[in-house]
Amino acid sequence: MRGAIGRLAAAALCLAALAGCGSSSSSASATRSPGQYVSSVCGAFGPMYDQLKALEAIHLSTVAARKDAAIRMLSILQTGVESGLPKLRAAGEPDIANGRQIASATVTTFSRLQSSLATGVKQAQSLPTTSLSAFQTASETLFLRVFGSAQTAGVNLTAMRNPTLIKAAAGQPACRGLSFGG
């Protein structure tokens, strides 16, 4: 579970930074350099990432502890996405090809992720603790449902990765410690 926490945190943040995040409003959006843009995006989700990383130190010796960690992780993600969305909207749009479309699609997807996470937090309360096997099966299904629902309801952000934003993220202090792949 420890590795899963870090991977899920990184996945949420990388989706934001790789695809680019911004405003879904039309002409009122500010256009920003790729560096300014990714710095805003990383800043929006940095606190959430730090909280998720802290979960990795939790000792998961019982199934009940794993369930509590799953609930905490989903709650941190939900709160982080909720507090990050206004910052994403305020980030404007990157001054790159298709910047407006990337920003709009990303905000839409993260809005849907927020809703999916809220449902996931409620459903995690019912994860079984009768056996490790039952918990693992149910929690894997729950996480696939939460993150799969957000992806299919929105835009597949992986297909929208932008090399300019990836490069810009590598040079931004706000993005240090976050993992960005190509």
C-alpha atoms as a PDB file:
ATOM      1  CA  MET A   1       0.000   0.000   0.000  1.00  0.00           C
ATOM      2  CA  ARG A   2       2.909   2.360   0.691  1.00  0.00           C
ATOM      3  CA  GLY A   3       4.046   2.312  -2.923  1.00  0.00           C
ATOM      4  CA  ALA A   4       0.469   2.635  -4.121  1.00  0.00           C
ATOM      5  CA  ILE A   5      -0.003   5.837  -2.146  1.00  0.00           C
ATOM      6  CA  GLY A   6       3.010   7.457  -3.750  1.00  0.00           C
ATOM      7  CA  ARG A   7       2.074   6.221  -7.215  1.00  0.00           C
ATOM      8  CA  LEU A   8      -1.491   7.547  -6.934  1.00  0.00           C
ATOM      9  CA  ALA A   9      -0.289  10.891  -5.634  1.00  0.00           C
ATOM     10  CA  ALA A  10       2.246  11.176  -8.405  1.00  0.00           C
ATOM     11  CA  ALA A  11      -0.310  10.116 -10.997  1.00  0.00           C
ATOM     12  CA  ALA A  12      -2.774  12.810  -9.971  1.00  0.00           C
ATOM     13  CA  LEU A  13      -0.121  15.494  -9.988  1.00  0.00           C
ATOM     14  CA  CYS A  14       1.549  14.350 -13.185  1.00  0.00           C
ATOM     15  CA  LEU A  15      -1.761  14.328 -15.015  1.00  0.00           C
ATOM     16  CA  ALA A  16      -2.200  17.944 -14.016  1.00  0.00           C
ATOM     17  CA  ALA A  17       1.252  19.090 -14.969  1.00  0.00           C
ATOM     18  CA  LEU A  18       1.766  16.970 -18.062  1.00  0.00           C
ATOM     19  CA  ALA A  19      -1.520  17.865 -19.636  1.00  0.00           C
ATOM     20  CA  GLY A  20      -1.489  21.380 -18.343  1.00  0.00           C
ATOM     21  CA  CYS A  21      -4.237  22.783 -16.199  1.00  0.00           C
ATOM     22  CA  GLY A  22      -6.067  26.048 -16.377  1.00  0.00           C
ATOM     23  CA  SER A  23      -9.281  27.848 -16.898  1.00  0.00           C
ATOM     24  CA  SER A  24     -12.356  26.620 -18.634  1.00  0.00           C
ATOM     25  CA  SER A  25     -13.607  30.146 -19.259  1.00  0.00           C
ATOM     26  CA  SER A  26     -13.302  31.441 -22.785  1.00  0.00           C
ATOM     27  CA  SER A  27     -11.797  34.875 -23.433  1.00  0.00           C
ATOM     28  CA  ALA A  28     -11.159  35.904 -19.812  1.00  0.00           C
ATOM     29  CA  SER A  29      -8.237  33.471 -19.439  1.00  0.00           C
ATOM     30  CA  ALA A  30      -4.777  34.854 -18.931  1.00  0.00           C
ATOM     31  CA  THR A  31      -2.144  33.413 -21.213  1.00  0.00           C
ATOM     32  CA  ARG A  32       1.024  32.525 -19.338  1.00  0.00           C
ATOM     33  CA  SER A  33       4.439  31.274 -20.276  1.00  0.00           C
ATOM     34  CA  PRO A  34       4.838  27.500 -19.910  1.00  0.00           C
ATOM     35  CA  GLY A  35       7.106  28.060 -16.883  1.00  0.00           C
ATOM     36  CA  GLN A  36       4.653  30.354 -15.097  1.00  0.00           C
ATOM     37  CA  TYR A  37       1.831  28.030 -15.939  1.00  0.00           C
ATOM     38  CA  VAL A  38       3.380  24.795 -14.624  1.00  0.00           C
ATOM     39  CA  SER A  39       4.622  26.630 -11.523  1.00  0.00           C
ATOM     40  CA  SER A  40       1.001  27.567 -10.777  1.00  0.00           C
ATOM     41  CA  VAL A  41      -0.156  24.013 -11.419  1.00  0.00           C
ATOM     42  CA  CYS A  42       2.503  22.464  -9.184  1.00  0.00           C
ATOM     43  CA  GLY A  43       1.786  25.028  -6.494  1.00  0.00           C
ATOM     44  CA  ALA A  44      -1.903  24.125  -6.597  1.00  0.00           C
ATOM     45  CA  PHE A  45      -1.219  20.456  -5.835  1.00  0.00           C
ATOM     46  CA  GLY A  46       2.021  20.555  -3.845  1.00  0.00           C
ATOM     47  CA  PRO A  47       0.341  20.568  -0.407  1.00  0.00           C
ATOM     48  CA  MET A  48      -1.762  17.533  -1.353  1.00  0.00           C
ATOM     49  CA  TYR A  49       1.312  15.671  -2.530  1.00  0.00           C
ATOM     50  CA  ASP A  50       3.129  16.436   0.742  1.00  0.00           C
ATOM     51  CA  GLN A  51       0.202  15.065   2.777  1.00  0.00           C
ATOM     52  CA  LEU A  52       0.087  11.904   0.674  1.00  0.00           C
ATOM     53  CA  LYS A  53       3.817  11.356   1.035  1.00  0.00           C
ATOM     54  CA  ALA A  54       3.402  11.544   4.825  1.00  0.00           C
ATOM     55  CA  LEU A  55       1.007   8.583   4.642  1.00  0.00           C
ATOM     56  CA  GLU A  56       3.846   6.400   3.415  1.00  0.00           C
ATOM     57  CA  ALA A  57       5.344   6.463   6.919  1.00  0.00           C
ATOM     58  CA  ILE A  58       2.264   4.842   8.444  1.00  0.00           C
ATOM     59  CA  HIS A  59       2.778   1.270   9.607  1.00  0.00           C
ATOM     60  CA  LEU A  60       0.177  -0.894   7.875  1.00  0.00           C
ATOM     61  CA  SER A  61       0.342  -4.020  10.016  1.00  0.00           C
ATOM     62  CA  THR A  62      -3.382  -4.761  10.069  1.00  0.00           C
ATOM     63  CA  VAL A  63      -6.161  -4.782   7.509  1.00  0.00           C
ATOM     64  CA  ALA A  64      -7.984  -2.133   9.563  1.00  0.00           C
ATOM     65  CA  ALA A  65      -4.898   0.118   9.344  1.00  0.00           C
ATOM     66  CA  ARG A  66      -4.844  -0.362   5.569  1.00  0.00           C
ATOM     67  CA  LYS A  67      -8.509   0.577   5.356  1.00  0.00           C
ATOM     68  CA  ASP A  68      -7.914   3.705   7.452  1.00  0.00           C
ATOM     69  CA  ALA A  69      -4.977   4.643   5.201  1.00  0.00           C
ATOM     70  CA  ALA A  70      -7.110   4.148   2.070  1.00  0.00           C
ATOM     71  CA  ILE A  71      -9.842   6.379   3.501  1.00  0.00           C
ATOM     72  CA  ARG A  72      -7.282   9.021   4.500  1.00  0.00           C
ATOM     73  CA  MET A  73      -5.639   8.898   1.076  1.00  0.00           C
ATOM     74  CA  LEU A  74      -8.925   9.348  -0.767  1.00  0.00           C
ATOM     75  CA  SER A  75      -9.910  12.152   1.624  1.00  0.00           C
ATOM     76  CA  ILE A  76      -6.596  13.941   1.074  1.00  0.00           C
ATOM     77  CA  LEU A  77      -7.006  13.593  -2.691  1.00  0.00           C
ATOM     78  CA  GLN A  78     -10.580  14.865  -2.560  1.00  0.00           C
ATOM     79  CA  THR A  79      -9.656  17.863  -0.411  1.00  0.00           C
ATOM     80  CA  GLY A  80      -6.543  18.546  -2.490  1.00  0.00           C
ATOM     81  CA  VAL A  81      -8.408  18.494  -5.776  1.00  0.00           C
ATOM     82  CA  GLU A  82     -11.181  20.620  -4.281  1.00  0.00           C
ATOM     83  CA  SER A  83      -8.760  23.271  -3.038  1.00  0.00           C
ATOM     84  CA  GLY A  84      -6.590  23.006  -6.156  1.00  0.00           C
ATOM     85  CA  LEU A  85      -9.377  23.568  -8.695  1.00  0.00           C
ATOM     86  CA  PRO A  86      -9.723  27.332  -8.091  1.00  0.00           C
ATOM     87  CA  LYS A  87      -5.942  27.627  -8.413  1.00  0.00           C
ATOM     88  CA  LEU A  88      -6.050  25.678 -11.677  1.00  0.00           C
ATOM     89  CA  ARG A  89      -8.689  27.989 -13.034  1.00  0.00           C
ATOM     90  CA  ALA A  90      -6.619  30.991 -11.947  1.00  0.00           C
ATOM     91  CA  ALA A  91      -3.536  29.576 -13.689  1.00  0.00           C
ATOM     92  CA  GLY A  92      -5.017  30.657 -17.008  1.00  0.00           C
ATOM     93  CA  GLU A  93      -3.782  28.806 -20.050  1.00  0.00           C
ATOM     94  CA  PRO A  94      -0.300  27.995 -21.274  1.00  0.00           C
ATOM     95  CA  ASP A  95       1.046  29.916 -24.246  1.00  0.00           C
ATOM     96  CA  ILE A  96       1.504  26.780 -26.345  1.00  0.00           C
ATOM     97  CA  ALA A  97      -0.316  25.193 -29.253  1.00  0.00           C
ATOM     98  CA  ASN A  98      -3.780  24.092 -28.086  1.00  0.00           C
ATOM     99  CA  GLY A  99      -3.186  25.720 -24.689  1.00  0.00           C
ATOM    100  CA  ARG A 100      -6.802  26.798 -24.292  1.00  0.00           C
ATOM    101  CA  GLN A 101      -8.122  23.320 -25.154  1.00  0.00           C
ATOM    102  CA  ILE A 102      -5.647  21.633 -22.822  1.00  0.00           C
ATOM    103  CA  ALA A 103      -6.566  23.978 -19.973  1.00  0.00           C
ATOM    104  CA  SER A 104     -10.302  23.576 -20.486  1.00  0.00           C
ATOM    105  CA  ALA A 105     -10.211  19.784 -20.802  1.00  0.00           C
ATOM    106  CA  THR A 106      -8.000  19.470 -17.745  1.00  0.00           C
ATOM    107  CA  VAL A 107     -10.259  21.567 -15.521  1.00  0.00           C
ATOM    108  CA  THR A 108     -13.243  19.524 -16.690  1.00  0.00           C
ATOM    109  CA  THR A 109     -11.477  16.261 -15.914  1.00  0.00           C
ATOM    110  CA  PHE A 110     -10.334  17.401 -12.474  1.00  0.00           C
ATOM    111  CA  SER A 111     -13.867  18.594 -11.681  1.00  0.00           C
ATOM    112  CA  ARG A 112     -15.107  15.124 -12.492  1.00  0.00           C
ATOM    113  CA  LEU A 113     -12.295  13.575 -10.469  1.00  0.00           C
ATOM    114  CA  GLN A 114     -13.383  15.660  -7.478  1.00  0.00           C
ATOM    115  CA  SER A 115     -16.890  14.219  -7.729  1.00  0.00           C
ATOM    116  CA  SER A 116     -15.578  10.691  -8.191  1.00  0.00           C
ATOM    117  CA  LEU A 117     -13.307  11.063  -5.155  1.00  0.00           C
ATOM    118  CA  ALA A 118     -16.212  12.227  -2.987  1.00  0.00           C
ATOM    119  CA  THR A 119     -18.078   9.044  -3.887  1.00  0.00           C
ATOM    120  CA  GLY A 120     -14.930   6.990  -3.319  1.00  0.00           C
ATOM    121  CA  VAL A 121     -14.435   8.352   0.203  1.00  0.00           C
ATOM    122  CA  LYS A 122     -17.974   7.266   1.106  1.00  0.00           C
ATOM    123  CA  GLN A 123     -17.519   3.829  -0.474  1.00  0.00           C
ATOM    124  CA  ALA A 124     -14.161   3.295   1.252  1.00  0.00           C
ATOM    125  CA  GLN A 125     -15.979   3.311   4.595  1.00  0.00           C
ATOM    126  CA  SER A 126     -17.448  -0.059   3.559  1.00  0.00           C
ATOM    127  CA  LEU A 127     -14.184  -1.768   2.581  1.00  0.00           C
ATOM    128  CA  PRO A 128     -14.015  -5.198   4.244  1.00  0.00           C
ATOM    129  CA  THR A 129     -11.493  -5.919   6.965  1.00  0.00           C
ATOM    130  CA  THR A 130     -12.293  -9.625   7.374  1.00  0.00           C
ATOM    131  CA  SER A 131      -9.187 -10.673   5.447  1.00  0.00           C
ATOM    132  CA  LEU A 132      -6.284  -9.104   3.628  1.00  0.00           C
ATOM    133  CA  SER A 133      -7.345 -10.758   0.378  1.00  0.00           C
ATOM    134  CA  ALA A 134     -10.906  -9.423   0.613  1.00  0.00           C
ATOM    135  CA  PHE A 135      -9.608  -5.935   1.411  1.00  0.00           C
ATOM    136  CA  GLN A 136      -7.105  -5.951  -1.461  1.00  0.00           C
ATOM    137  CA  THR A 137      -9.699  -7.069  -3.994  1.00  0.00           C
ATOM    138  CA  ALA A 138     -12.288  -4.532  -2.833  1.00  0.00           C
ATOM    139  CA  SER A 139      -9.822  -1.631  -2.549  1.00  0.00           C
ATOM    140  CA  GLU A 140      -8.338  -2.295  -6.011  1.00  0.00           C
ATOM    141  CA  THR A 141     -11.838  -2.329  -7.474  1.00  0.00           C
ATOM    142  CA  LEU A 142     -12.707   0.898  -5.650  1.00  0.00           C
ATOM    143  CA  PHE A 143      -9.581   2.726  -6.814  1.00  0.00           C
ATOM    144  CA  LEU A 144     -10.041   1.573 -10.396  1.00  0.00           C
ATOM    145  CA  ARG A 145     -13.646   2.762 -10.274  1.00  0.00           C
ATOM    146  CA  VAL A 146     -12.738   6.153  -8.780  1.00  0.00           C
ATOM    147  CA  PHE A 147      -9.903   6.950 -11.169  1.00  0.00           C
ATOM    148  CA  GLY A 148     -11.343   5.115 -14.183  1.00  0.00           C
ATOM    149  CA  SER A 149     -14.625   6.985 -13.797  1.00  0.00           C
ATOM    150  CA  ALA A 150     -12.884  10.340 -13.821  1.00  0.00           C
ATOM    151  CA  GLN A 151     -10.820   9.409 -16.861  1.00  0.00           C
ATOM    152  CA  THR A 152     -13.679   8.061 -18.960  1.00  0.00           C
ATOM    153  CA  ALA A 153     -16.012  10.883 -17.929  1.00  0.00           C
ATOM    154  CA  GLY A 154     -13.464  13.472 -18.940  1.00  0.00           C
ATOM    155  CA  VAL A 155     -10.620  13.551 -21.398  1.00  0.00           C
ATOM    156  CA  ASN A 156      -7.783  11.065 -21.485  1.00  0.00           C
ATOM    157  CA  LEU A 157      -5.082  13.460 -20.319  1.00  0.00           C
ATOM    158  CA  THR A 158      -2.275  11.076 -21.159  1.00  0.00           C
ATOM    159  CA  ALA A 159      -2.934  11.696 -24.842  1.00  0.00           C
ATOM    160  CA  MET A 160      -2.561  15.440 -24.250  1.00  0.00           C
ATOM    161  CA  ARG A 161       0.958  15.451 -22.781  1.00  0.00           C
ATOM    162  CA  ASN A 162       2.953  18.373 -23.973  1.00  0.00           C
ATOM    163  CA  PRO A 163       6.772  18.263 -24.172  1.00  0.00           C
ATOM    164  CA  THR A 164       7.005  22.036 -23.625  1.00  0.00           C
ATOM    165  CA  LEU A 165       5.124  21.775 -20.328  1.00  0.00           C
ATOM    166  CA  ILE A 166       7.163  18.760 -19.236  1.00  0.00           C
ATOM    167  CA  LYS A 167      10.387  20.652 -19.898  1.00  0.00           C
ATOM    168  CA  ALA A 168       9.074  23.761 -18.142  1.00  0.00           C
ATOM    169  CA  ALA A 169       8.106  21.708 -15.067  1.00  0.00           C
ATOM    170  CA  ALA A 170      11.642  20.367 -14.760  1.00  0.00           C
ATOM    171  CA  GLY A 171      12.919  23.926 -14.251  1.00  0.00           C
ATOM    172  CA  GLN A 172      10.349  25.110 -11.718  1.00  0.00           C
ATOM    173  CA  PRO A 173      11.092  25.030  -7.975  1.00  0.00           C
ATOM    174  CA  ALA A 174       7.401  24.453  -7.212  1.00  0.00           C
ATOM    175  CA  CYS A 175       7.571  21.232  -9.238  1.00  0.00           C
ATOM    176  CA  ARG A 176      10.675  19.777  -7.539  1.00  0.00           C
ATOM    177  CA  GLY A 177       9.983  16.448  -5.908  1.00  0.00           C
ATOM    178  CA  LEU A 178       7.141  15.706  -8.272  1.00  0.00           C
ATOM    179  CA  SER A 179       7.685  13.068 -10.917  1.00  0.00           C
ATOM    180  CA  PHE A 180       7.133  13.978 -14.555  1.00  0.00           C
ATOM    181  CA  GLY A 181       7.500  11.376 -17.279  1.00  0.00           C
ATOM    182  CA  GLY A 182       7.364  11.735 -21.013  1.00  0.00           C
END
